[in-house]
Amino acid sequence: MDAEQVTDKITADAKAQAEKIIQEAKAKNDAEQAAIDDQLSKYNTQTAEIARKAAEDEKAHILAAARMKIAKQYLAEKRSILDGVFEQALQKMRSLDDDRYKNLMAKRMIEAVETGDEEVILDNNEERIDHEFIKEVNRKLGPGFQGNLRLAASKADLGGAGFILRRGKVKTNISLAVLIDQARKDLEIELAKDLFDN
């Protein structure tokens, strides 16, 4: 074999070896690319699922916040309406004719009496409850009580009408403002239930 044949053989063998290395590298590259594509596809699927869940959570959070805001506005509107209603109720109670007002106060006084010897402290502006009124209530208290209710020498600021029964250090406030306030508290409990039930 002459030198040219040896050179051709070496060149052919080198080309074959190079072609084999290129084919192996291409196969390895294709396998790695397929693995990367598979991982990328899984990553994209996971990312899309995370984004979908995050969007659902954000949507649920926004909706819950909106519902709470609407419920608070609804409650505030109800409170505003109640403020007006209770103010009107207080004005109507203050403007009752004398007979109806005295009947209401007598009933409330009789219900609040514990021993019958309490002192009656009137509101600064109370003009319809007097000694005659107290005498009548004492008669209605009957024999089970001492019937010794008496007007106090001093008055108090009770919001325009009503009285306090005092026996020693114990005081029972029967002013119109307190009666209205108690009714309001009962209704506000209902409003709170309404807010959190919805």
Foldseek 3Di string as FASTA:
>chain_A
DDPVVVVVVVVVVVVVVVVVVVVVVVVVVVVVVVVVVVVVVVVVVVVVVVVVVVVVVVVVVVVVVVLLVVLVVVLVVVVVVLVVVLVVVLVCLLPDPLVVNLVVQLVVVLVPDDAQQWEKAWAPQEDSDDPVSLQVSLVVNPDVHPSNYYYDPHHHHPPHGHIWTDDPPDIDGPGSVVVSVVVVVVVVVVSVCVSVVD
